[in-house]
């Protein structure tokens, strides 16, 4: 990974062992880069909308009913 790689916090739908050999259990939330996220989605280990913020906020990505709270929103 290089400096500036986008990291995404996701909740695992099934057990997964990362590239460093660390085992993660289903239901655990982990930070992954965009390429790893794509692989995990393709393998069904995470599903779209299964992510949440580190403070356990509800998913606000594609398919969510949660309002966008990022740059440009009324709340920021």
C-alpha atoms as a PDB file:
ATOM      1  CA  UNK A   1       0.000   0.000   0.000  1.00  0.00           C
ATOM      2  CA  UNK A   2       1.253   3.471  -0.744  1.00  0.00           C
ATOM      3  CA  UNK A   3       0.687   6.700   1.134  1.00  0.00           C
ATOM      4  CA  UNK A   4      -2.659   8.180   0.138  1.00  0.00           C
ATOM      5  CA  UNK A   5      -4.414   4.865  -0.597  1.00  0.00           C
ATOM      6  CA  UNK A   6      -8.109   5.146   0.243  1.00  0.00           C
ATOM      7  CA  UNK A   7      -9.122   2.932   3.153  1.00  0.00           C
ATOM      8  CA  UNK A   8     -12.665   1.748   3.714  1.00  0.00           C
ATOM      9  CA  UNK A   9     -14.091   0.387   6.982  1.00  0.00           C
ATOM     10  CA  UNK A  10     -16.220  -2.709   6.261  1.00  0.00           C
ATOM     11  CA  UNK A  11     -18.098  -5.335   8.242  1.00  0.00           C
ATOM     12  CA  UNK A  12     -17.266  -8.897   7.232  1.00  0.00           C
ATOM     13  CA  UNK A  13     -20.135 -11.193   6.274  1.00  0.00           C
ATOM     14  CA  UNK A  14     -17.924 -14.282   6.658  1.00  0.00           C
ATOM     15  CA  UNK A  15     -14.517 -15.222   8.060  1.00  0.00           C
ATOM     16  CA  UNK A  16     -11.523 -13.813   6.164  1.00  0.00           C
ATOM     17  CA  UNK A  17      -7.747 -14.003   6.463  1.00  0.00           C
ATOM     18  CA  UNK A  18      -5.978 -10.849   5.306  1.00  0.00           C
ATOM     19  CA  UNK A  19      -2.779 -10.639   3.272  1.00  0.00           C
ATOM     20  CA  UNK A  20      -0.693 -10.566   6.452  1.00  0.00           C
ATOM     21  CA  UNK A  21      -2.179 -13.884   7.623  1.00  0.00           C
ATOM     22  CA  UNK A  22      -4.368 -12.293  10.307  1.00  0.00           C
ATOM     23  CA  UNK A  23      -7.691 -14.123  10.693  1.00  0.00           C
ATOM     24  CA  UNK A  24     -10.848 -12.003  11.023  1.00  0.00           C
ATOM     25  CA  UNK A  25     -14.242 -13.372  12.061  1.00  0.00           C
ATOM     26  CA  UNK A  26     -17.609 -12.778  10.422  1.00  0.00           C
ATOM     27  CA  UNK A  27     -19.192  -9.683  11.956  1.00  0.00           C
ATOM     28  CA  UNK A  28     -15.829  -8.025  12.601  1.00  0.00           C
ATOM     29  CA  UNK A  29     -15.182  -4.597  11.056  1.00  0.00           C
ATOM     30  CA  UNK A  30     -11.844  -4.000   9.333  1.00  0.00           C
ATOM     31  CA  UNK A  31     -10.105  -1.287   7.306  1.00  0.00           C
ATOM     32  CA  UNK A  32      -9.270  -2.360   3.748  1.00  0.00           C
ATOM     33  CA  UNK A  33      -8.024  -0.575   0.653  1.00  0.00           C
ATOM     34  CA  UNK A  34     -10.239  -0.176  -2.412  1.00  0.00           C
ATOM     35  CA  UNK A  35      -8.650  -3.106  -4.296  1.00  0.00           C
ATOM     36  CA  UNK A  36      -9.120  -5.451  -1.340  1.00  0.00           C
ATOM     37  CA  UNK A  37     -12.707  -4.249  -0.944  1.00  0.00           C
ATOM     38  CA  UNK A  38     -13.433  -5.129  -4.573  1.00  0.00           C
ATOM     39  CA  UNK A  39     -11.980  -8.617  -4.049  1.00  0.00           C
ATOM     40  CA  UNK A  40     -13.966  -9.141  -0.843  1.00  0.00           C
ATOM     41  CA  UNK A  41     -17.181  -8.035  -2.559  1.00  0.00           C
ATOM     42  CA  UNK A  42     -16.539 -10.358  -5.514  1.00  0.00           C
ATOM     43  CA  UNK A  43     -15.972 -13.271  -3.118  1.00  0.00           C
ATOM     44  CA  UNK A  44     -19.099 -12.434  -1.085  1.00  0.00           C
ATOM     45  CA  UNK A  45     -17.102 -11.772   2.080  1.00  0.00           C
ATOM     46  CA  UNK A  46     -18.604  -8.288   2.332  1.00  0.00           C
ATOM     47  CA  UNK A  47     -21.731  -7.000   0.691  1.00  0.00           C
ATOM     48  CA  UNK A  48     -22.559  -3.528  -0.539  1.00  0.00           C
ATOM     49  CA  UNK A  49     -23.859  -1.561   2.393  1.00  0.00           C
ATOM     50  CA  UNK A  50     -22.142  -3.698   5.019  1.00  0.00           C
ATOM     51  CA  UNK A  51     -19.755  -0.955   6.102  1.00  0.00           C
ATOM     52  CA  UNK A  52     -20.013   1.423   8.989  1.00  0.00           C
ATOM     53  CA  UNK A  53     -17.907   4.168  10.452  1.00  0.00           C
ATOM     54  CA  UNK A  54     -15.428   3.511  13.207  1.00  0.00           C
ATOM     55  CA  UNK A  55     -17.886   5.099  15.614  1.00  0.00           C
ATOM     56  CA  UNK A  56     -20.497   2.527  14.511  1.00  0.00           C
ATOM     57  CA  UNK A  57     -22.525   5.000  12.456  1.00  0.00           C
ATOM     58  CA  UNK A  58     -25.003   3.569   9.995  1.00  0.00           C
ATOM     59  CA  UNK A  59     -23.771   2.943   6.435  1.00  0.00           C
ATOM     60  CA  UNK A  60     -24.249   6.045   4.278  1.00  0.00           C
ATOM     61  CA  UNK A  61     -23.020   4.637   0.966  1.00  0.00           C
ATOM     62  CA  UNK A  62     -24.835   3.337  -2.118  1.00  0.00           C
ATOM     63  CA  UNK A  63     -28.295   2.014  -1.375  1.00  0.00           C
ATOM     64  CA  UNK A  64     -28.490   3.659   2.045  1.00  0.00           C
ATOM     65  CA  UNK A  65     -31.380   5.707   3.330  1.00  0.00           C
ATOM     66  CA  UNK A  66     -28.942   7.642   5.536  1.00  0.00           C
ATOM     67  CA  UNK A  67     -28.339  11.176   4.308  1.00  0.00           C
ATOM     68  CA  UNK A  68     -24.857  12.085   3.056  1.00  0.00           C
ATOM     69  CA  UNK A  69     -22.945  13.911   5.792  1.00  0.00           C
ATOM     70  CA  UNK A  70     -19.692  14.533   3.953  1.00  0.00           C
ATOM     71  CA  UNK A  71     -18.240  17.593   2.248  1.00  0.00           C
ATOM     72  CA  UNK A  72     -20.877  19.822   0.711  1.00  0.00           C
ATOM     73  CA  UNK A  73     -23.717  18.571   2.881  1.00  0.00           C
ATOM     74  CA  UNK A  74     -25.722  20.911   5.089  1.00  0.00           C
ATOM     75  CA  UNK A  75     -24.299  19.209   8.173  1.00  0.00           C
ATOM     76  CA  UNK A  76     -20.655  19.890   7.332  1.00  0.00           C
END
